[in-house]
Amino acid sequence: MNIMKIEILGSGCAKCNKTKKFVEQAVEQTGVDAEIVKVEDMDGILAYGVLITPAVVVDGDVKIVGRVPKVDEVIEWITQ
């Protein structure tokens, strides 16, 4: 089984840190096998076409940009 890759795009701001916390909670609640990576490099962020952070990328697919997702939203993305 493949390990899911979840990337948190952001500079380390409070909203970005909160997003990472919520993603970690969602992964813990679902038991999904996932690697969570924080991307703070602007080139890495811009590579996804993201101009506003925080953003969440699941297996290369940008799921949300510019706001902190709810834990329930993240659970929906990672269990589809």
PDB file of N, CA and C in Angstrom:
ATOM      1  N   MET A   1       0.850  -1.190   0.000  1.00  0.00           N
ATOM      2  CA  MET A   1       0.000   0.000   0.000  1.00  0.00           C
ATOM      3  C   MET A   1       0.887   1.242   0.000  1.00  0.00           C
ATOM      4  N   ASN A   2       0.519   2.221  -0.804  1.00  0.00           N
ATOM      5  CA  ASN A   2       1.302   3.444  -0.900  1.00  0.00           C
ATOM      6  C   ASN A   2       1.060   4.354   0.297  1.00  0.00           C
ATOM      7  N   ILE A   3       2.109   5.041   0.684  1.00  0.00           N
ATOM      8  CA  ILE A   3       1.991   6.030   1.750  1.00  0.00           C
ATOM      9  C   ILE A   3       1.521   7.335   1.125  1.00  0.00           C
ATOM     10  N   MET A   4       0.462   7.914   1.689  1.00  0.00           N
ATOM     11  CA  MET A   4      -0.059   9.180   1.215  1.00  0.00           C
ATOM     12  C   MET A   4       0.911  10.298   1.590  1.00  0.00           C
ATOM     13  N   LYS A   5       1.105  11.247   0.701  1.00  0.00           N
ATOM     14  CA  LYS A   5       1.960  12.402   0.988  1.00  0.00           C
ATOM     15  C   LYS A   5       1.082  13.637   1.119  1.00  0.00           C
ATOM     16  N   ILE A   6       1.128  14.244   2.301  1.00  0.00           N
ATOM     17  CA  ILE A   6       0.355  15.454   2.565  1.00  0.00           C
ATOM     18  C   ILE A   6       1.339  16.581   2.810  1.00  0.00           C
ATOM     19  N   GLU A   7       1.225  17.625   2.008  1.00  0.00           N
ATOM     20  CA  GLU A   7       2.122  18.769   2.144  1.00  0.00           C
ATOM     21  C   GLU A   7       1.354  19.977   2.671  1.00  0.00           C
ATOM     22  N   ILE A   8       1.942  20.623   3.659  1.00  0.00           N
ATOM     23  CA  ILE A   8       1.393  21.862   4.206  1.00  0.00           C
ATOM     24  C   ILE A   8       2.255  22.978   3.634  1.00  0.00           C
ATOM     25  N   LEU A   9       1.662  23.830   2.817  1.00  0.00           N
ATOM     26  CA  LEU A   9       2.404  24.921   2.201  1.00  0.00           C
ATOM     27  C   LEU A   9       2.201  26.188   3.018  1.00  0.00           C
ATOM     28  N   GLY A  10       3.316  26.782   3.453  1.00  0.00           N
ATOM     29  CA  GLY A  10       3.219  28.022   4.218  1.00  0.00           C
ATOM     30  C   GLY A  10       4.542  28.405   4.833  1.00  0.00           C
ATOM     31  N   SER A  11       4.622  29.656   5.208  1.00  0.00           N
ATOM     32  CA  SER A  11       5.883  30.223   5.681  1.00  0.00           C
ATOM     33  C   SER A  11       6.175  29.953   7.152  1.00  0.00           C
ATOM     34  N   GLY A  12       5.257  29.315   7.846  1.00  0.00           N
ATOM     35  CA  GLY A  12       5.448  29.092   9.279  1.00  0.00           C
ATOM     36  C   GLY A  12       4.600  30.028  10.124  1.00  0.00           C
ATOM     37  N   CYS A  13       3.650  30.688   9.498  1.00  0.00           N
ATOM     38  CA  CYS A  13       2.755  31.602  10.215  1.00  0.00           C
ATOM     39  C   CYS A  13       1.811  30.807  11.126  1.00  0.00           C
ATOM     40  N   ALA A  14       1.101  31.496  11.975  1.00  0.00           N
ATOM     41  CA  ALA A  14       0.186  30.848  12.925  1.00  0.00           C
ATOM     42  C   ALA A  14      -0.862  29.997  12.200  1.00  0.00           C
ATOM     43  N   LYS A  15      -1.423  30.511  11.107  1.00  0.00           N
ATOM     44  CA  LYS A  15      -2.432  29.754  10.358  1.00  0.00           C
ATOM     45  C   LYS A  15      -1.833  28.502   9.731  1.00  0.00           C
ATOM     46  N   CYS A  16      -0.588  28.604   9.286  1.00  0.00           N
ATOM     47  CA  CYS A  16       0.088  27.445   8.686  1.00  0.00           C
ATOM     48  C   CYS A  16       0.335  26.378   9.751  1.00  0.00           C
ATOM     49  N   ASN A  17       0.747  26.808  10.924  1.00  0.00           N
ATOM     50  CA  ASN A  17       0.994  25.861  12.018  1.00  0.00           C
ATOM     51  C   ASN A  17      -0.302  25.198  12.480  1.00  0.00           C
ATOM     52  N   LYS A  18      -1.385  25.972  12.501  1.00  0.00           N
ATOM     53  CA  LYS A  18      -2.689  25.426  12.875  1.00  0.00           C
ATOM     54  C   LYS A  18      -3.154  24.408  11.827  1.00  0.00           C
ATOM     55  N   THR A  19      -2.901  24.703  10.565  1.00  0.00           N
ATOM     56  CA  THR A  19      -3.251  23.777   9.489  1.00  0.00           C
ATOM     57  C   THR A  19      -2.505  22.458   9.671  1.00  0.00           C
ATOM     58  N   LYS A  20      -1.223  22.525   9.966  1.00  0.00           N
ATOM     59  CA  LYS A  20      -0.423  21.314  10.181  1.00  0.00           C
ATOM     60  C   LYS A  20      -0.977  20.515  11.355  1.00  0.00           C
ATOM     61  N   LYS A  21      -1.349  21.196  12.418  1.00  0.00           N
ATOM     62  CA  LYS A  21      -1.911  20.532  13.599  1.00  0.00           C
ATOM     63  C   LYS A  21      -3.205  19.797  13.234  1.00  0.00           C
ATOM     64  N   PHE A  22      -4.079  20.450  12.466  1.00  0.00           N
ATOM     65  CA  PHE A  22      -5.356  19.844  12.076  1.00  0.00           C
ATOM     66  C   PHE A  22      -5.140  18.640  11.150  1.00  0.00           C
ATOM     67  N   VAL A  23      -4.164  18.745  10.250  1.00  0.00           N
ATOM     68  CA  VAL A  23      -3.858  17.627   9.358  1.00  0.00           C
ATOM     69  C   VAL A  23      -3.352  16.446  10.187  1.00  0.00           C
ATOM     70  N   GLU A  24      -2.478  16.709  11.147  1.00  0.00           N
ATOM     71  CA  GLU A  24      -1.970  15.647  12.019  1.00  0.00           C
ATOM     72  C   GLU A  24      -3.103  14.988  12.799  1.00  0.00           C
ATOM     73  N   GLN A  25      -4.062  15.789  13.283  1.00  0.00           N
ATOM     74  CA  GLN A  25      -5.219  15.239  14.007  1.00  0.00           C
ATOM     75  C   GLN A  25      -6.046  14.338  13.090  1.00  0.00           C
ATOM     76  N   ALA A  26      -6.267  14.770  11.852  1.00  0.00           N
ATOM     77  CA  ALA A  26      -7.067  13.994  10.902  1.00  0.00           C
ATOM     78  C   ALA A  26      -6.389  12.667  10.589  1.00  0.00           C
ATOM     79  N   VAL A  27      -5.084  12.691  10.395  1.00  0.00           N
ATOM     80  CA  VAL A  27      -4.338  11.467  10.101  1.00  0.00           C
ATOM     81  C   VAL A  27      -4.410  10.527  11.302  1.00  0.00           C
ATOM     82  N   GLU A  28      -4.252  11.077  12.494  1.00  0.00           N
ATOM     83  CA  GLU A  28      -4.317  10.266  13.712  1.00  0.00           C
ATOM     84  C   GLU A  28      -5.707   9.636  13.885  1.00  0.00           C
ATOM     85  N   GLN A  29      -6.761  10.414  13.639  1.00  0.00           N
ATOM     86  CA  GLN A  29      -8.135   9.925  13.817  1.00  0.00           C
ATOM     87  C   GLN A  29      -8.489   8.827  12.822  1.00  0.00           C
ATOM     88  N   THR A  30      -7.951   8.916  11.607  1.00  0.00           N
ATOM     89  CA  THR A  30      -8.322   7.953  10.563  1.00  0.00           C
ATOM     90  C   THR A  30      -7.370   6.763  10.483  1.00  0.00           C
ATOM     91  N   GLY A  31      -6.175   6.920  11.021  1.00  0.00           N
ATOM     92  CA  GLY A  31      -5.191   5.855  10.938  1.00  0.00           C
ATOM     93  C   GLY A  31      -4.591   5.704   9.550  1.00  0.00           C
ATOM     94  N   VAL A  32      -4.766   6.698   8.703  1.00  0.00           N
ATOM     95  CA  VAL A  32      -4.219   6.677   7.349  1.00  0.00           C
ATOM     96  C   VAL A  32      -2.692   6.713   7.432  1.00  0.00           C
ATOM     97  N   ASP A  33      -2.044   5.924   6.589  1.00  0.00           N
ATOM     98  CA  ASP A  33      -0.588   5.898   6.531  1.00  0.00           C
ATOM     99  C   ASP A  33      -0.142   7.070   5.662  1.00  0.00           C
ATOM    100  N   ALA A  34       0.329   8.142   6.303  1.00  0.00           N
ATOM    101  CA  ALA A  34       0.653   9.357   5.560  1.00  0.00           C
ATOM    102  C   ALA A  34       1.945   9.985   6.056  1.00  0.00           C
ATOM    103  N   GLU A  35       2.648  10.568   5.110  1.00  0.00           N
ATOM    104  CA  GLU A  35       3.826  11.374   5.412  1.00  0.00           C
ATOM    105  C   GLU A  35       3.374  12.832   5.337  1.00  0.00           C
ATOM    106  N   ILE A  36       3.596  13.578   6.412  1.00  0.00           N
ATOM    107  CA  ILE A  36       3.208  14.989   6.448  1.00  0.00           C
ATOM    108  C   ILE A  36       4.481  15.820   6.320  1.00  0.00           C
ATOM    109  N   VAL A  37       4.503  16.671   5.294  1.00  0.00           N
ATOM    110  CA  VAL A  37       5.686  17.476   5.005  1.00  0.00           C
ATOM    111  C   VAL A  37       5.308  18.952   5.038  1.00  0.00           C
ATOM    112  N   LYS A  38       6.102  19.737   5.721  1.00  0.00           N
ATOM    113  CA  LYS A  38       5.904  21.197   5.756  1.00  0.00           C
ATOM    114  C   LYS A  38       6.774  21.807   4.666  1.00  0.00           C
ATOM    115  N   VAL A  39       6.173  22.540   3.741  1.00  0.00           N
ATOM    116  CA  VAL A  39       6.905  23.187   2.652  1.00  0.00           C
ATOM    117  C   VAL A  39       6.901  24.688   2.928  1.00  0.00           C
ATOM    118  N   GLU A  40       8.072  25.218   3.281  1.00  0.00           N
ATOM    119  CA  GLU A  40       8.182  26.646   3.603  1.00  0.00           C
ATOM    120  C   GLU A  40       8.930  27.421   2.529  1.00  0.00           C
ATOM    121  N   ASP A  41       9.557  26.702   1.601  1.00  0.00           N
ATOM    122  CA  ASP A  41      10.323  27.304   0.515  1.00  0.00           C
ATOM    123  C   ASP A  41       9.376  27.915  -0.522  1.00  0.00           C
ATOM    124  N   MET A  42       9.564  29.199  -0.831  1.00  0.00           N
ATOM    125  CA  MET A  42       8.646  29.877  -1.757  1.00  0.00           C
ATOM    126  C   MET A  42       8.625  29.218  -3.132  1.00  0.00           C
ATOM    127  N   ASP A  43       9.770  28.726  -3.606  1.00  0.00           N
ATOM    128  CA  ASP A  43       9.791  28.050  -4.908  1.00  0.00           C
ATOM    129  C   ASP A  43       8.936  26.787  -4.866  1.00  0.00           C
ATOM    130  N   GLY A  44       9.004  26.059  -3.760  1.00  0.00           N
ATOM    131  CA  GLY A  44       8.188  24.857  -3.586  1.00  0.00           C
ATOM    132  C   GLY A  44       6.710  25.175  -3.544  1.00  0.00           C
ATOM    133  N   ILE A  45       6.376  26.273  -2.889  1.00  0.00           N
ATOM    134  CA  ILE A  45       4.973  26.707  -2.787  1.00  0.00           C
ATOM    135  C   ILE A  45       4.462  27.171  -4.156  1.00  0.00           C
ATOM    136  N   LEU A  46       5.264  27.988  -4.821  1.00  0.00           N
ATOM    137  CA  LEU A  46       4.864  28.519  -6.132  1.00  0.00           C
ATOM    138  C   LEU A  46       4.773  27.433  -7.194  1.00  0.00           C
ATOM    139  N   ALA A  47       5.513  26.336  -7.015  1.00  0.00           N
ATOM    140  CA  ALA A  47       5.465  25.230  -7.975  1.00  0.00           C
ATOM    141  C   ALA A  47       4.051  24.657  -8.092  1.00  0.00           C
ATOM    142  N   TYR A  48       3.254  24.810  -7.046  1.00  0.00           N
ATOM    143  CA  TYR A  48       1.856  24.346  -7.076  1.00  0.00           C
ATOM    144  C   TYR A  48       0.903  25.445  -7.545  1.00  0.00           C
ATOM    145  N   GLY A  49       1.435  26.616  -7.881  1.00  0.00           N
ATOM    146  CA  GLY A  49       0.599  27.730  -8.307  1.00  0.00           C
ATOM    147  C   GLY A  49      -0.099  28.415  -7.148  1.00  0.00           C
ATOM    148  N   VAL A  50       0.393  28.185  -5.941  1.00  0.00           N
ATOM    149  CA  VAL A  50      -0.221  28.752  -4.744  1.00  0.00           C
ATOM    150  C   VAL A  50       0.414  30.104  -4.435  1.00  0.00           C
ATOM    151  N   LEU A  51      -0.428  31.128  -4.303  1.00  0.00           N
ATOM    152  CA  LEU A  51       0.054  32.470  -3.984  1.00  0.00           C
ATOM    153  C   LEU A  51      -0.354  32.897  -2.581  1.00  0.00           C
ATOM    154  N   ILE A  52      -1.350  32.238  -2.004  1.00  0.00           N
ATOM    155  CA  ILE A  52      -1.852  32.582  -0.670  1.00  0.00           C
ATOM    156  C   ILE A  52      -1.761  31.328   0.200  1.00  0.00           C
ATOM    157  N   THR A  53      -1.156  31.475   1.368  1.00  0.00           N
ATOM    158  CA  THR A  53      -1.048  30.342   2.289  1.00  0.00           C
ATOM    159  C   THR A  53      -1.928  30.589   3.507  1.00  0.00           C
ATOM    160  N   PRO A  54      -2.274  29.549   4.243  1.00  0.00           N
ATOM    161  CA  PRO A  54      -1.811  28.175   4.099  1.00  0.00           C
ATOM    162  C   PRO A  54      -2.510  27.455   2.947  1.00  0.00           C
ATOM    163  N   ALA A  55      -1.880  26.362   2.537  1.00  0.00           N
ATOM    164  CA  ALA A  55      -2.470  25.498   1.523  1.00  0.00           C
ATOM    165  C   ALA A  55      -2.148  24.055   1.895  1.00  0.00           C
ATOM    166  N   VAL A  56      -3.012  23.138   1.449  1.00  0.00           N
ATOM    167  CA  VAL A  56      -2.801  21.717   1.707  1.00  0.00           C
ATOM    168  C   VAL A  56      -2.818  20.984   0.369  1.00  0.00           C
ATOM    169  N   VAL A  57      -1.802  20.126   0.182  1.00  0.00           N
ATOM    170  CA  VAL A  57      -1.672  19.324  -1.027  1.00  0.00           C
ATOM    171  C   VAL A  57      -1.667  17.859  -0.612  1.00  0.00           C
ATOM    172  N   VAL A  58      -2.556  17.068  -1.192  1.00  0.00           N
ATOM    173  CA  VAL A  58      -2.626  15.633  -0.900  1.00  0.00           C
ATOM    174  C   VAL A  58      -2.248  14.873  -2.161  1.00  0.00           C
ATOM    175  N   ASP A  59      -1.160  14.139  -2.093  1.00  0.00           N
ATOM    176  CA  ASP A  59      -0.656  13.371  -3.243  1.00  0.00           C
ATOM    177  C   ASP A  59      -0.610  14.212  -4.517  1.00  0.00           C
ATOM    178  N   GLY A  60      -0.091  15.432  -4.395  1.00  0.00           N
ATOM    179  CA  GLY A  60       0.096  16.306  -5.551  1.00  0.00           C
ATOM    180  C   GLY A  60      -1.115  17.113  -5.963  1.00  0.00           C
ATOM    181  N   ASP A  61      -2.253  16.929  -5.284  1.00  0.00           N
ATOM    182  CA  ASP A  61      -3.498  17.615  -5.617  1.00  0.00           C
ATOM    183  C   ASP A  61      -3.771  18.707  -4.583  1.00  0.00           C
ATOM    184  N   VAL A  62      -3.784  19.976  -5.020  1.00  0.00           N
ATOM    185  CA  VAL A  62      -4.053  21.096  -4.107  1.00  0.00           C
ATOM    186  C   VAL A  62      -5.509  21.021  -3.661  1.00  0.00           C
ATOM    187  N   LYS A  63      -5.728  20.921  -2.340  1.00  0.00           N
ATOM    188  CA  LYS A  63      -7.080  20.760  -1.798  1.00  0.00           C
ATOM    189  C   LYS A  63      -7.670  22.051  -1.282  1.00  0.00           C
ATOM    190  N   ILE A  64      -6.836  22.940  -0.736  1.00  0.00           N
ATOM    191  CA  ILE A  64      -7.345  24.182  -0.167  1.00  0.00           C
ATOM    192  C   ILE A  64      -6.240  25.227  -0.193  1.00  0.00           C
ATOM    193  N   VAL A  65      -6.625  26.474  -0.401  1.00  0.00           N
ATOM    194  CA  VAL A  65      -5.666  27.579  -0.454  1.00  0.00           C
ATOM    195  C   VAL A  65      -6.246  28.767   0.300  1.00  0.00           C
ATOM    196  N   GLY A  66      -5.422  29.388   1.138  1.00  0.00           N
ATOM    197  CA  GLY A  66      -5.785  30.661   1.742  1.00  0.00           C
ATOM    198  C   GLY A  66      -6.581  30.606   3.030  1.00  0.00           C
ATOM    199  N   ARG A  67      -6.858  29.417   3.535  1.00  0.00           N
ATOM    200  CA  ARG A  67      -7.547  29.328   4.822  1.00  0.00           C
ATOM    201  C   ARG A  67      -7.212  28.007   5.510  1.00  0.00           C
ATOM    202  N   VAL A  68      -7.461  27.987   6.807  1.00  0.00           N
ATOM    203  CA  VAL A  68      -7.218  26.782   7.598  1.00  0.00           C
ATOM    204  C   VAL A  68      -8.395  25.834   7.399  1.00  0.00           C
ATOM    205  N   PRO A  69      -8.130  24.591   6.989  1.00  0.00           N
ATOM    206  CA  PRO A  69      -9.237  23.650   6.811  1.00  0.00           C
ATOM    207  C   PRO A  69      -9.725  23.126   8.153  1.00  0.00           C
ATOM    208  N   LYS A  70     -10.978  22.680   8.164  1.00  0.00           N
ATOM    209  CA  LYS A  70     -11.506  21.995   9.349  1.00  0.00           C
ATOM    210  C   LYS A  70     -10.963  20.564   9.329  1.00  0.00           C
ATOM    211  N   VAL A  71     -10.834  19.972  10.508  1.00  0.00           N
ATOM    212  CA  VAL A  71     -10.351  18.593  10.607  1.00  0.00           C
ATOM    213  C   VAL A  71     -11.236  17.677   9.771  1.00  0.00           C
ATOM    214  N   ASP A  72     -12.549  17.890   9.813  1.00  0.00           N
ATOM    215  CA  ASP A  72     -13.486  17.058   9.041  1.00  0.00           C
ATOM    216  C   ASP A  72     -13.221  17.141   7.534  1.00  0.00           C
ATOM    217  N   GLU A  73     -12.836  18.324   7.048  1.00  0.00           N
ATOM    218  CA  GLU A  73     -12.510  18.472   5.628  1.00  0.00           C
ATOM    219  C   GLU A  73     -11.292  17.621   5.278  1.00  0.00           C
ATOM    220  N   VAL A  74     -10.273  17.694   6.124  1.00  0.00           N
ATOM    221  CA  VAL A  74      -9.057  16.928   5.876  1.00  0.00           C
ATOM    222  C   VAL A  74      -9.359  15.438   5.886  1.00  0.00           C
ATOM    223  N   ILE A  75     -10.187  15.013   6.836  1.00  0.00           N
ATOM    224  CA  ILE A  75     -10.572  13.592   6.909  1.00  0.00           C
ATOM    225  C   ILE A  75     -11.236  13.171   5.607  1.00  0.00           C
ATOM    226  N   GLU A  76     -12.097  14.011   5.070  1.00  0.00           N
ATOM    227  CA  GLU A  76     -12.775  13.690   3.807  1.00  0.00           C
ATOM    228  C   GLU A  76     -11.758  13.528   2.676  1.00  0.00           C
ATOM    229  N   TRP A  77     -10.772  14.414   2.596  1.00  0.00           N
ATOM    230  CA  TRP A  77      -9.768  14.351   1.539  1.00  0.00           C
ATOM    231  C   TRP A  77      -8.932  13.086   1.631  1.00  0.00           C
ATOM    232  N   ILE A  78      -8.568  12.693   2.854  1.00  0.00           N
ATOM    233  CA  ILE A  78      -7.598  11.588   2.986  1.00  0.00           C
ATOM    234  C   ILE A  78      -8.254  10.214   3.038  1.00  0.00           C
ATOM    235  N   THR A  79      -9.587  10.188   3.093  1.00  0.00           N
ATOM    236  CA  THR A  79     -10.264   8.882   3.141  1.00  0.00           C
ATOM    237  C   THR A  79     -11.018   8.589   1.841  1.00  0.00           C
ATOM    238  N   GLN A  80     -10.923   9.428   0.848  1.00  0.00           N
ATOM    239  CA  GLN A  80     -11.602   9.203  -0.436  1.00  0.00           C
ATOM    240  C   GLN A  80     -10.935   8.090  -1.211  1.00  0.00           C
TER     241      GLN A  80
END
